[in-house]
Amino acid sequence: KTVYFIKDNYEGFMFDCDDYEQLYEYMKHDKK
């Protein structure tokens, strides 16, 4: 139900599998 609400209201920006490692690096350096 939460996914459906977000899908209906929030458009995405394009990224693909090649970006996953970069996303993971950003998470690793999160200050939390």
All heavy atoms as atom14 arrays in JSON, in Angstrom:
{
  "sequence": "KTVYFIKDNYEGFMFDCDDYEQLYEYMKHDKK",
  "atom14_mask": [
    [1, 1, 1, 1, 1, 1, 1, 1, 1, 0, 0, 0, 0, 0],
    [1, 1, 1, 1, 1, 1, 1, 0, 0, 0, 0, 0, 0, 0],
    [1, 1, 1, 1, 1, 1, 1, 0, 0, 0, 0, 0, 0, 0],
    [1, 1, 1, 1, 1, 1, 1, 1, 1, 1, 1, 1, 0, 0],
    [1, 1, 1, 1, 1, 1, 1, 1, 1, 1, 1, 0, 0, 0],
    [1, 1, 1, 1, 1, 1, 1, 1, 0, 0, 0, 0, 0, 0],
    [1, 1, 1, 1, 1, 1, 1, 1, 1, 0, 0, 0, 0, 0],
    [1, 1, 1, 1, 1, 1, 1, 1, 0, 0, 0, 0, 0, 0],
    [1, 1, 1, 1, 1, 1, 1, 1, 0, 0, 0, 0, 0, 0],
    [1, 1, 1, 1, 1, 1, 1, 1, 1, 1, 1, 1, 0, 0],
    [1, 1, 1, 1, 1, 1, 1, 1, 1, 0, 0, 0, 0, 0],
    [1, 1, 1, 1, 0, 0, 0, 0, 0, 0, 0, 0, 0, 0],
    [1, 1, 1, 1, 1, 1, 1, 1, 1, 1, 1, 0, 0, 0],
    [1, 1, 1, 1, 1, 1, 1, 1, 0, 0, 0, 0, 0, 0],
    [1, 1, 1, 1, 1, 1, 1, 1, 1, 1, 1, 0, 0, 0],
    [1, 1, 1, 1, 1, 1, 1, 1, 0, 0, 0, 0, 0, 0],
    [1, 1, 1, 1, 1, 1, 0, 0, 0, 0, 0, 0, 0, 0],
    [1, 1, 1, 1, 1, 1, 1, 1, 0, 0, 0, 0, 0, 0],
    [1, 1, 1, 1, 1, 1, 1, 1, 0, 0, 0, 0, 0, 0],
    [1, 1, 1, 1, 1, 1, 1, 1, 1, 1, 1, 1, 0, 0],
    [1, 1, 1, 1, 1, 1, 1, 1, 1, 0, 0, 0, 0, 0],
    [1, 1, 1, 1, 1, 1, 1, 1, 1, 0, 0, 0, 0, 0],
    [1, 1, 1, 1, 1, 1, 1, 1, 0, 0, 0, 0, 0, 0],
    [1, 1, 1, 1, 1, 1, 1, 1, 1, 1, 1, 1, 0, 0],
    [1, 1, 1, 1, 1, 1, 1, 1, 1, 0, 0, 0, 0, 0],
    [1, 1, 1, 1, 1, 1, 1, 1, 1, 1, 1, 1, 0, 0],
    [1, 1, 1, 1, 1, 1, 1, 1, 0, 0, 0, 0, 0, 0],
    [1, 1, 1, 1, 1, 1, 1, 1, 1, 0, 0, 0, 0, 0],
    [1, 1, 1, 1, 1, 1, 1, 1, 1, 1, 0, 0, 0, 0],
    [1, 1, 1, 1, 1, 1, 1, 1, 0, 0, 0, 0, 0, 0],
    [1, 1, 1, 1, 1, 1, 1, 1, 1, 0, 0, 0, 0, 0],
    [1, 1, 1, 1, 1, 1, 1, 1, 1, 0, 0, 0, 0, 0]
  ],
  "atom14_positions": [
    [[0.84, -1.21, 0.0], [0.0, 0.0, 0.0], [0.87, 1.25, 0.0], [0.55, 2.25, -0.66], [-0.94, 0.0, 1.2], [-2.11, -0.96, 1.04], [-3.02, -0.96, 2.27], [-4.19, -1.93, 2.08], [-5.04, -2.02, 3.3], [0.0, 0.0, 0.0], [0.0, 0.0, 0.0], [0.0, 0.0, 0.0], [0.0, 0.0, 0.0], [0.0, 0.0, 0.0]],
    [[1.97, 1.2, 0.73], [2.9, 2.33, 0.74], [3.57, 2.48, -0.62], [3.72, 3.59, -1.14], [3.96, 2.15, 1.84], [3.31, 1.96, 3.11], [4.86, 3.37, 1.93], [0.0, 0.0, 0.0], [0.0, 0.0, 0.0], [0.0, 0.0, 0.0], [0.0, 0.0, 0.0], [0.0, 0.0, 0.0], [0.0, 0.0, 0.0], [0.0, 0.0, 0.0]],
    [[3.96, 1.37, -1.21], [4.56, 1.39, -2.55], [3.6, 2.0, -3.56], [4.0, 2.85, -4.38], [4.98, -0.04, -2.99], [5.32, -0.06, -4.49], [6.16, -0.53, -2.18], [0.0, 0.0, 0.0], [0.0, 0.0, 0.0], [0.0, 0.0, 0.0], [0.0, 0.0, 0.0], [0.0, 0.0, 0.0], [0.0, 0.0, 0.0], [0.0, 0.0, 0.0]],
    [[2.32, 1.61, -3.53], [1.34, 2.13, -4.48], [1.19, 3.63, -4.33], [1.09, 4.36, -5.33], [-0.01, 1.44, -4.29], [0.0, -0.04, -4.6], [-0.83, -0.92, -3.91], [0.85, -0.57, -5.58], [-0.83, -2.29, -4.18], [0.87, -1.93, -5.85], [0.02, -2.78, -5.14], [0.04, -4.13, -5.41], [0.0, 0.0, 0.0], [0.0, 0.0, 0.0]],
    [[1.17, 4.12, -3.08], [1.04, 5.56, -2.87], [2.24, 6.29, -3.47], [2.09, 7.32, -4.15], [0.93, 5.87, -1.37], [0.91, 7.34, -1.08], [-0.26, 8.07, -1.2], [2.07, 8.01, -0.69], [-0.28, 9.44, -0.95], [2.07, 9.38, -0.44], [0.88, 10.09, -0.58], [0.0, 0.0, 0.0], [0.0, 0.0, 0.0], [0.0, 0.0, 0.0]],
    [[3.43, 5.78, -3.22], [4.63, 6.43, -3.74], [4.68, 6.36, -5.27], [5.0, 7.33, -5.95], [5.89, 5.8, -3.11], [5.94, 6.14, -1.61], [7.17, 6.27, -3.81], [7.01, 5.4, -0.84], [0.0, 0.0, 0.0], [0.0, 0.0, 0.0], [0.0, 0.0, 0.0], [0.0, 0.0, 0.0], [0.0, 0.0, 0.0], [0.0, 0.0, 0.0]],
    [[4.32, 5.21, -5.82], [4.31, 5.06, -7.28], [3.36, 6.06, -7.93], [3.65, 6.64, -8.98], [3.91, 3.64, -7.66], [3.91, 3.4, -9.17], [3.5, 1.96, -9.5], [3.5, 1.74, -11.02], [3.1, 0.38, -11.38], [0.0, 0.0, 0.0], [0.0, 0.0, 0.0], [0.0, 0.0, 0.0], [0.0, 0.0, 0.0], [0.0, 0.0, 0.0]],
    [[2.21, 6.29, -7.29], [1.2, 7.19, -7.85], [1.62, 8.66, -7.78], [1.1, 9.49, -8.53], [-0.13, 7.03, -7.12], [-0.84, 5.74, -7.5], [-0.46, 5.12, -8.5], [-1.79, 5.35, -6.77], [0.0, 0.0, 0.0], [0.0, 0.0, 0.0], [0.0, 0.0, 0.0], [0.0, 0.0, 0.0], [0.0, 0.0, 0.0], [0.0, 0.0, 0.0]],
    [[2.52, 8.99, -6.86], [2.81, 10.4, -6.6], [4.23, 10.85, -6.91], [4.46, 12.04, -7.13], [2.5, 10.72, -5.14], [1.02, 10.75, -4.84], [0.34, 11.73, -5.13], [0.51, 9.66, -4.27], [0.0, 0.0, 0.0], [0.0, 0.0, 0.0], [0.0, 0.0, 0.0], [0.0, 0.0, 0.0], [0.0, 0.0, 0.0], [0.0, 0.0, 0.0]],
    [[5.19, 9.92, -6.92], [6.59, 10.32, -7.03], [7.23, 9.69, -8.26], [7.46, 8.49, -8.3], [7.36, 9.91, -5.77], [6.91, 10.63, -4.53], [5.83, 10.13, -3.78], [7.52, 11.8, -4.1], [5.39, 10.8, -2.64], [7.1, 12.47, -2.97], [6.02, 11.97, -2.24], [5.59, 12.62, -1.12], [0.0, 0.0, 0.0], [0.0, 0.0, 0.0]],
    [[7.51, 10.53, -9.25], [8.18, 10.02, -10.44], [9.65, 9.75, -10.12], [10.22, 10.32, -9.19], [8.08, 11.05, -11.57], [8.78, 12.35, -11.25], [8.47, 13.45, -12.25], [7.29, 13.59, -12.61], [9.41, 14.15, -12.65], [0.0, 0.0, 0.0], [0.0, 0.0, 0.0], [0.0, 0.0, 0.0], [0.0, 0.0, 0.0], [0.0, 0.0, 0.0]],
    [[10.27, 8.88, -10.89], [11.65, 8.49, -10.62], [12.66, 9.21, -11.48], [12.3, 9.98, -12.37], [0.0, 0.0, 0.0], [0.0, 0.0, 0.0], [0.0, 0.0, 0.0], [0.0, 0.0, 0.0], [0.0, 0.0, 0.0], [0.0, 0.0, 0.0], [0.0, 0.0, 0.0], [0.0, 0.0, 0.0], [0.0, 0.0, 0.0], [0.0, 0.0, 0.0]],
    [[13.92, 8.99, -11.18], [14.96, 9.42, -12.1], [15.73, 8.17, -12.53], [15.76, 7.17, -11.82], [15.88, 10.47, -11.45], [17.08, 9.93, -10.73], [18.35, 10.1, -11.25], [16.94, 9.27, -9.51], [19.46, 9.61, -10.57], [18.06, 8.78, -8.83], [19.31, 8.95, -9.37], [0.0, 0.0, 0.0], [0.0, 0.0, 0.0], [0.0, 0.0, 0.0]],
    [[16.3, 8.21, -13.71], [16.83, 7.0, -14.3], [18.22, 6.66, -13.75], [19.12, 7.49, -13.7], [16.9, 7.15, -15.83], [15.52, 7.34, -16.48], [14.29, 6.11, -15.96], [15.04, 4.61, -16.61], [0.0, 0.0, 0.0], [0.0, 0.0, 0.0], [0.0, 0.0, 0.0], [0.0, 0.0, 0.0], [0.0, 0.0, 0.0], [0.0, 0.0, 0.0]],
    [[18.35, 5.42, -13.33], [19.64, 4.84, -12.99], [19.54, 3.35, -13.28], [18.44, 2.83, -13.51], [20.03, 5.12, -11.54], [19.16, 4.44, -10.52], [19.52, 3.22, -9.98], [17.96, 5.02, -10.1], [18.72, 2.59, -9.04], [17.15, 4.4, -9.16], [17.53, 3.18, -8.64], [0.0, 0.0, 0.0], [0.0, 0.0, 0.0], [0.0, 0.0, 0.0]],
    [[20.66, 2.66, -13.32], [20.61, 1.24, -13.65], [21.58, 0.45, -12.77], [22.17, 1.0, -11.83], [20.91, 1.02, -15.14], [22.24, 1.62, -15.57], [23.19, 1.58, -14.76], [22.33, 2.1, -16.71], [0.0, 0.0, 0.0], [0.0, 0.0, 0.0], [0.0, 0.0, 0.0], [0.0, 0.0, 0.0], [0.0, 0.0, 0.0], [0.0, 0.0, 0.0]],
    [[21.74, -0.83, -13.09], [22.56, -1.72, -12.25], [24.0, -1.25, -12.14], [24.68, -1.54, -11.14], [22.53, -3.14, -12.81], [20.88, -3.89, -12.79], [0.0, 0.0, 0.0], [0.0, 0.0, 0.0], [0.0, 0.0, 0.0], [0.0, 0.0, 0.0], [0.0, 0.0, 0.0], [0.0, 0.0, 0.0], [0.0, 0.0, 0.0], [0.0, 0.0, 0.0]],
    [[24.47, -0.54, -13.15], [25.84, -0.04, -13.11], [26.06, 0.98, -12.01], [27.2, 1.27, -11.63], [26.22, 0.58, -14.46], [26.3, -0.45, -15.58], [26.5, -1.64, -15.25], [26.16, -0.07, -16.76], [0.0, 0.0, 0.0], [0.0, 0.0, 0.0], [0.0, 0.0, 0.0], [0.0, 0.0, 0.0], [0.0, 0.0, 0.0], [0.0, 0.0, 0.0]],
    [[24.96, 1.55, -11.49], [25.06, 2.57, -10.44], [25.01, 1.99, -9.03], [25.2, 2.73, -8.05], [23.93, 3.6, -10.59], [24.02, 4.39, -11.88], [25.11, 4.92, -12.16], [23.01, 4.47, -12.61], [0.0, 0.0, 0.0], [0.0, 0.0, 0.0], [0.0, 0.0, 0.0], [0.0, 0.0, 0.0], [0.0, 0.0, 0.0], [0.0, 0.0, 0.0]],
    [[24.75, 0.7, -8.9], [24.54, 0.12, -7.57], [25.78, 0.26, -6.68], [25.66, 0.56, -5.49], [24.15, -1.36, -7.69], [22.72, -1.62, -8.1], [21.97, -0.67, -8.78], [22.12, -2.84, -7.8], [20.66, -0.93, -9.16], [20.8, -3.11, -8.18], [20.07, -2.15, -8.86], [18.78, -2.41, -9.24], [0.0, 0.0, 0.0], [0.0, 0.0, 0.0]],
    [[26.96, 0.01, -7.25], [28.18, 0.1, -6.45], [28.39, 1.53, -5.94], [28.81, 1.73, -4.8], [29.4, -0.36, -7.26], [29.44, -1.85, -7.53], [29.69, -2.68, -6.26], [30.16, -2.11, -5.23], [29.44, -3.91, -6.3], [0.0, 0.0, 0.0], [0.0, 0.0, 0.0], [0.0, 0.0, 0.0], [0.0, 0.0, 0.0], [0.0, 0.0, 0.0]],
    [[28.09, 2.51, -6.78], [28.23, 3.91, -6.36], [27.23, 4.23, -5.24], [27.57, 4.9, -4.25], [28.01, 4.86, -7.54], [28.12, 6.33, -7.18], [29.54, 6.71, -6.75], [30.46, 6.74, -7.54], [29.71, 7.0, -5.45], [0.0, 0.0, 0.0], [0.0, 0.0, 0.0], [0.0, 0.0, 0.0], [0.0, 0.0, 0.0], [0.0, 0.0, 0.0]],
    [[26.0, 3.74, -5.39], [24.99, 3.93, -4.34], [25.48, 3.32, -3.02], [25.33, 3.93, -1.95], [23.66, 3.3, -4.76], [22.86, 4.03, -5.84], [21.75, 3.13, -6.37], [22.27, 5.33, -5.31], [0.0, 0.0, 0.0], [0.0, 0.0, 0.0], [0.0, 0.0, 0.0], [0.0, 0.0, 0.0], [0.0, 0.0, 0.0], [0.0, 0.0, 0.0]],
    [[26.06, 2.13, -3.11], [26.54, 1.45, -1.91], [27.67, 2.24, -1.25], [27.75, 2.33, -0.02], [27.0, 0.03, -2.26], [27.27, -0.83, -1.05], [26.23, -1.3, -0.26], [28.58, -1.18, -0.71], [26.49, -2.1, 0.86], [28.84, -1.97, 0.4], [27.79, -2.43, 1.17], [28.04, -3.2, 2.28], [0.0, 0.0, 0.0], [0.0, 0.0, 0.0]],
    [[28.55, 2.83, -2.06], [29.64, 3.65, -1.51], [29.09, 4.85, -0.76], [29.59, 5.21, 0.31], [30.57, 4.12, -2.64], [31.53, 3.06, -3.12], [32.43, 2.54, -2.01], [33.07, 3.37, -1.32], [32.48, 1.31, -1.8], [0.0, 0.0, 0.0], [0.0, 0.0, 0.0], [0.0, 0.0, 0.0], [0.0, 0.0, 0.0], [0.0, 0.0, 0.0]],
    [[28.04, 5.48, -1.32], [27.42, 6.61, -0.62], [26.86, 6.15, 0.73], [26.99, 6.84, 1.74], [26.31, 7.22, -1.47], [26.79, 8.04, -2.65], [26.21, 7.87, -3.92], [27.79, 8.99, -2.52], [26.63, 8.61, -5.0], [28.22, 9.75, -3.6], [27.64, 9.55, -4.85], [28.05, 10.29, -5.92], [0.0, 0.0, 0.0], [0.0, 0.0, 0.0]],
    [[26.22, 5.0, 0.74], [25.65, 4.48, 2.0], [26.75, 4.21, 3.02], [26.58, 4.48, 4.21], [24.86, 3.19, 1.74], [23.59, 3.37, 0.95], [22.79, 1.76, 0.64], [22.32, 1.95, -1.07], [0.0, 0.0, 0.0], [0.0, 0.0, 0.0], [0.0, 0.0, 0.0], [0.0, 0.0, 0.0], [0.0, 0.0, 0.0], [0.0, 0.0, 0.0]],
    [[27.88, 3.69, 2.58], [28.98, 3.36, 3.49], [29.52, 4.61, 4.18], [30.02, 4.55, 5.31], [30.12, 2.68, 2.73], [29.87, 1.22, 2.42], [30.91, 0.65, 1.47], [32.31, 0.72, 2.04], [33.32, 0.12, 1.12], [0.0, 0.0, 0.0], [0.0, 0.0, 0.0], [0.0, 0.0, 0.0], [0.0, 0.0, 0.0], [0.0, 0.0, 0.0]],
    [[29.39, 5.76, 3.52], [29.93, 6.99, 4.08], [28.86, 7.87, 4.72], [29.11, 9.04, 5.03], [30.69, 7.77, 2.99], [31.96, 7.1, 2.58], [32.02, 6.17, 1.56], [33.22, 7.17, 3.1], [33.26, 5.72, 1.45], [34.0, 6.3, 2.37], [0.0, 0.0, 0.0], [0.0, 0.0, 0.0], [0.0, 0.0, 0.0], [0.0, 0.0, 0.0]],
    [[27.69, 7.31, 4.91], [26.63, 8.04, 5.61], [27.1, 8.32, 7.04], [27.65, 7.45, 7.72], [25.35, 7.19, 5.63], [24.14, 7.99, 6.11], [24.11, 8.33, 7.31], [23.23, 8.24, 5.32], [0.0, 0.0, 0.0], [0.0, 0.0, 0.0], [0.0, 0.0, 0.0], [0.0, 0.0, 0.0], [0.0, 0.0, 0.0], [0.0, 0.0, 0.0]],
    [[26.88, 9.57, 7.52], [27.41, 9.95, 8.83], [26.74, 9.22, 9.99], [27.22, 9.27, 11.12], [27.32, 11.46, 9.03], [25.92, 12.07, 9.01], [26.0, 13.57, 9.28], [24.64, 14.25, 9.2], [24.16, 14.46, 7.84], [0.0, 0.0, 0.0], [0.0, 0.0, 0.0], [0.0, 0.0, 0.0], [0.0, 0.0, 0.0], [0.0, 0.0, 0.0]],
    [[25.65, 8.51, 9.74], [24.98, 7.76, 10.82], [25.7, 6.45, 11.13], [25.47, 5.84, 12.17], [23.52, 7.46, 10.42], [22.66, 8.7, 10.22], [21.24, 8.34, 9.87], [21.09, 7.65, 8.52], [21.4, 8.5, 7.38], [0.0, 0.0, 0.0], [0.0, 0.0, 0.0], [0.0, 0.0, 0.0], [0.0, 0.0, 0.0], [0.0, 0.0, 0.0]]
  ]
}
